[in-house]
Amino acid sequence: MLKNYDDRARGCLIFVAACVLPTIVMAAGTDLHVLGIVTAIDAKHLDVKTAKGPVVSVLLNKQVKFKNKSNQKSNDPPVVGDRVIIEATKDDKTKKVSATVVHYSPVKTASPPQ
């Protein structure tokens, strides 16, 4: 009877560990989010003015994924004025923020009156 209980307890513990471990690993990948409006962009970085006022510079690399809310098939980066939510990581040593995914909504330009 006791051996059967030990086997069930061990099995339960292994099951719980198998469920929790991937969650911990996935959560460690993205440390922070940067929300705001793009003020500058080039091939290597993106500047975002946050709602609280400061401008945050986020590094870009070739692995960054750009996701346009208006056009799901687009891989184009945002432009100045677009609203962004950036999934990013922060290097503890250099204190630099690097983007992993940039979600954005393009600015709607008003058509000229006719």
C-alpha atoms as a PDB file:
ATOM      1  CA  MET A   1       0.000   0.000   0.000  1.00  0.00           C
ATOM      2  CA  LEU A   2       2.773   2.452   0.931  1.00  0.00           C
ATOM      3  CA  LYS A   3       4.753   1.665  -2.230  1.00  0.00           C
ATOM      4  CA  ASN A   4       1.690   2.374  -4.371  1.00  0.00           C
ATOM      5  CA  TYR A   5       1.246   5.763  -2.629  1.00  0.00           C
ATOM      6  CA  ASP A   6       4.930   6.651  -3.241  1.00  0.00           C
ATOM      7  CA  ASP A   7       4.576   5.850  -6.937  1.00  0.00           C
ATOM      8  CA  ARG A   8       1.490   8.069  -7.241  1.00  0.00           C
ATOM      9  CA  ALA A   9       3.160  10.914  -5.346  1.00  0.00           C
ATOM     10  CA  ARG A  10       6.270  10.666  -7.535  1.00  0.00           C
ATOM     11  CA  GLY A  11       4.122  10.606 -10.679  1.00  0.00           C
ATOM     12  CA  CYS A  12       2.157  13.626  -9.522  1.00  0.00           C
ATOM     13  CA  LEU A  13       5.355  15.530  -8.735  1.00  0.00           C
ATOM     14  CA  ILE A  14       6.793  14.753 -12.181  1.00  0.00           C
ATOM     15  CA  PHE A  15       3.537  15.854 -13.839  1.00  0.00           C
ATOM     16  CA  VAL A  16       3.495  19.174 -11.956  1.00  0.00           C
ATOM     17  CA  ALA A  17       7.177  19.814 -12.771  1.00  0.00           C
ATOM     18  CA  ALA A  18       6.546  19.069 -16.457  1.00  0.00           C
ATOM     19  CA  CYS A  19       3.694  21.608 -16.511  1.00  0.00           C
ATOM     20  CA  VAL A  20       5.449  24.369 -14.586  1.00  0.00           C
ATOM     21  CA  LEU A  21       8.959  24.241 -16.096  1.00  0.00           C
ATOM     22  CA  PRO A  22       7.982  25.371 -19.642  1.00  0.00           C
ATOM     23  CA  THR A  23       6.011  28.271 -18.170  1.00  0.00           C
ATOM     24  CA  ILE A  24       9.029  29.478 -16.210  1.00  0.00           C
ATOM     25  CA  VAL A  25      11.319  29.197 -19.246  1.00  0.00           C
ATOM     26  CA  MET A  26       8.870  31.037 -21.524  1.00  0.00           C
ATOM     27  CA  ALA A  27       8.323  33.824 -18.986  1.00  0.00           C
ATOM     28  CA  ALA A  28      12.061  34.485 -18.754  1.00  0.00           C
ATOM     29  CA  GLY A  29      12.261  35.300 -22.486  1.00  0.00           C
ATOM     30  CA  THR A  30      10.418  38.630 -22.485  1.00  0.00           C
ATOM     31  CA  ASP A  31      11.310  40.889 -19.612  1.00  0.00           C
ATOM     32  CA  LEU A  32       9.343  44.017 -20.413  1.00  0.00           C
ATOM     33  CA  HIS A  33       7.000  45.872 -22.715  1.00  0.00           C
ATOM     34  CA  VAL A  34       7.513  49.358 -24.153  1.00  0.00           C
ATOM     35  CA  LEU A  35       4.340  51.242 -25.131  1.00  0.00           C
ATOM     36  CA  GLY A  36       4.175  54.565 -26.907  1.00  0.00           C
ATOM     37  CA  ILE A  37       4.594  56.401 -30.194  1.00  0.00           C
ATOM     38  CA  VAL A  38       7.544  56.029 -32.560  1.00  0.00           C
ATOM     39  CA  THR A  39       9.637  59.221 -32.672  1.00  0.00           C
ATOM     40  CA  ALA A  40      12.580  57.861 -34.703  1.00  0.00           C
ATOM     41  CA  ILE A  41      13.494  54.618 -36.450  1.00  0.00           C
ATOM     42  CA  ASP A  42      16.399  53.228 -38.446  1.00  0.00           C
ATOM     43  CA  ALA A  43      17.796  49.754 -39.136  1.00  0.00           C
ATOM     44  CA  LYS A  44      19.418  49.396 -35.703  1.00  0.00           C
ATOM     45  CA  HIS A  45      17.109  51.162 -33.227  1.00  0.00           C
ATOM     46  CA  LEU A  46      13.659  52.545 -32.552  1.00  0.00           C
ATOM     47  CA  ASP A  47      12.874  55.515 -30.264  1.00  0.00           C
ATOM     48  CA  VAL A  48       9.519  55.451 -28.484  1.00  0.00           C
ATOM     49  CA  LYS A  49       7.931  58.333 -26.559  1.00  0.00           C
ATOM     50  CA  THR A  50       6.068  56.730 -23.678  1.00  0.00           C
ATOM     51  CA  ALA A  51       2.858  58.009 -22.085  1.00  0.00           C
ATOM     52  CA  LYS A  52       4.793  59.142 -19.011  1.00  0.00           C
ATOM     53  CA  GLY A  53       7.033  61.335 -21.170  1.00  0.00           C
ATOM     54  CA  PRO A  54      10.508  59.824 -21.498  1.00  0.00           C
ATOM     55  CA  VAL A  55      11.824  58.543 -24.823  1.00  0.00           C
ATOM     56  CA  VAL A  56      13.014  54.925 -24.708  1.00  0.00           C
ATOM     57  CA  SER A  57      15.559  53.691 -27.253  1.00  0.00           C
ATOM     58  CA  VAL A  58      15.071  50.040 -28.260  1.00  0.00           C
ATOM     59  CA  LEU A  59      17.668  48.096 -30.242  1.00  0.00           C
ATOM     60  CA  LEU A  60      16.555  46.233 -33.367  1.00  0.00           C
ATOM     61  CA  ASN A  61      18.174  43.231 -35.031  1.00  0.00           C
ATOM     62  CA  LYS A  62      17.347  40.946 -37.972  1.00  0.00           C
ATOM     63  CA  GLN A  63      15.365  38.535 -35.772  1.00  0.00           C
ATOM     64  CA  VAL A  64      12.790  41.166 -34.692  1.00  0.00           C
ATOM     65  CA  LYS A  65       9.268  40.429 -35.886  1.00  0.00           C
ATOM     66  CA  PHE A  66       7.091  43.366 -36.940  1.00  0.00           C
ATOM     67  CA  LYS A  67       3.321  42.844 -36.608  1.00  0.00           C
ATOM     68  CA  ASN A  68       1.032  45.400 -38.231  1.00  0.00           C
ATOM     69  CA  LYS A  69      -2.422  45.415 -36.620  1.00  0.00           C
ATOM     70  CA  SER A  70      -4.059  46.695 -39.824  1.00  0.00           C
ATOM     71  CA  ASN A  71      -2.295  44.268 -42.181  1.00  0.00           C
ATOM     72  CA  GLN A  72      -1.454  40.892 -40.633  1.00  0.00           C
ATOM     73  CA  LYS A  73       0.575  39.790 -43.694  1.00  0.00           C
ATOM     74  CA  SER A  74       2.912  42.788 -43.600  1.00  0.00           C
ATOM     75  CA  ASN A  75       6.499  42.409 -42.367  1.00  0.00           C
ATOM     76  CA  ASP A  76       7.278  46.110 -42.746  1.00  0.00           C
ATOM     77  CA  PRO A  77       8.535  48.083 -39.745  1.00  0.00           C
ATOM     78  CA  PRO A  78       6.524  50.942 -38.248  1.00  0.00           C
ATOM     79  CA  VAL A  79       7.093  54.574 -39.208  1.00  0.00           C
ATOM     80  CA  VAL A  80       7.371  57.754 -37.139  1.00  0.00           C
ATOM     81  CA  GLY A  81       4.006  58.475 -35.509  1.00  0.00           C
ATOM     82  CA  ASP A  82       2.804  54.860 -35.275  1.00  0.00           C
ATOM     83  CA  ARG A  83       1.635  53.491 -31.922  1.00  0.00           C
ATOM     84  CA  VAL A  84       3.700  50.524 -30.745  1.00  0.00           C
ATOM     85  CA  ILE A  85       3.772  47.817 -28.109  1.00  0.00           C
ATOM     86  CA  ILE A  86       7.225  46.286 -28.054  1.00  0.00           C
ATOM     87  CA  GLU A  87       8.054  42.971 -26.406  1.00  0.00           C
ATOM     88  CA  ALA A  88      11.674  43.362 -25.331  1.00  0.00           C
ATOM     89  CA  THR A  89      14.475  42.082 -23.147  1.00  0.00           C
ATOM     90  CA  LYS A  90      16.895  44.139 -21.098  1.00  0.00           C
ATOM     91  CA  ASP A  91      20.545  43.195 -20.761  1.00  0.00           C
ATOM     92  CA  ASP A  92      21.483  43.530 -17.079  1.00  0.00           C
ATOM     93  CA  LYS A  93      25.128  44.333 -17.848  1.00  0.00           C
ATOM     94  CA  THR A  94      24.718  46.943 -20.593  1.00  0.00           C
ATOM     95  CA  LYS A  95      21.229  48.138 -19.520  1.00  0.00           C
ATOM     96  CA  LYS A  96      20.207  48.155 -23.213  1.00  0.00           C
ATOM     97  CA  VAL A  97      16.708  47.187 -24.307  1.00  0.00           C
ATOM     98  CA  SER A  98      16.419  44.857 -27.322  1.00  0.00           C
ATOM     99  CA  ALA A  99      13.155  44.224 -29.169  1.00  0.00           C
ATOM    100  CA  THR A 100      11.894  40.734 -29.936  1.00  0.00           C
ATOM    101  CA  VAL A 101       8.424  41.599 -31.342  1.00  0.00           C
ATOM    102  CA  VAL A 102       7.091  45.019 -32.377  1.00  0.00           C
ATOM    103  CA  HIS A 103       3.286  45.239 -32.535  1.00  0.00           C
ATOM    104  CA  TYR A 104       2.076  48.469 -34.112  1.00  0.00           C
ATOM    105  CA  SER A 105      -0.906  50.369 -35.442  1.00  0.00           C
ATOM    106  CA  PRO A 106      -0.195  52.691 -38.350  1.00  0.00           C
ATOM    107  CA  VAL A 107      -1.214  56.327 -38.133  1.00  0.00           C
ATOM    108  CA  LYS A 108      -4.268  57.006 -40.207  1.00  0.00           C
ATOM    109  CA  THR A 109      -3.624  59.952 -42.471  1.00  0.00           C
ATOM    110  CA  ALA A 110      -6.585  62.137 -43.282  1.00  0.00           C
ATOM    111  CA  SER A 111      -7.405  62.370 -46.953  1.00  0.00           C
ATOM    112  CA  PRO A 112      -7.285  65.905 -48.363  1.00  0.00           C
ATOM    113  CA  PRO A 113     -10.675  67.608 -48.769  1.00  0.00           C
ATOM    114  CA  GLN A 114     -12.036  67.632 -52.287  1.00  0.00           C
END
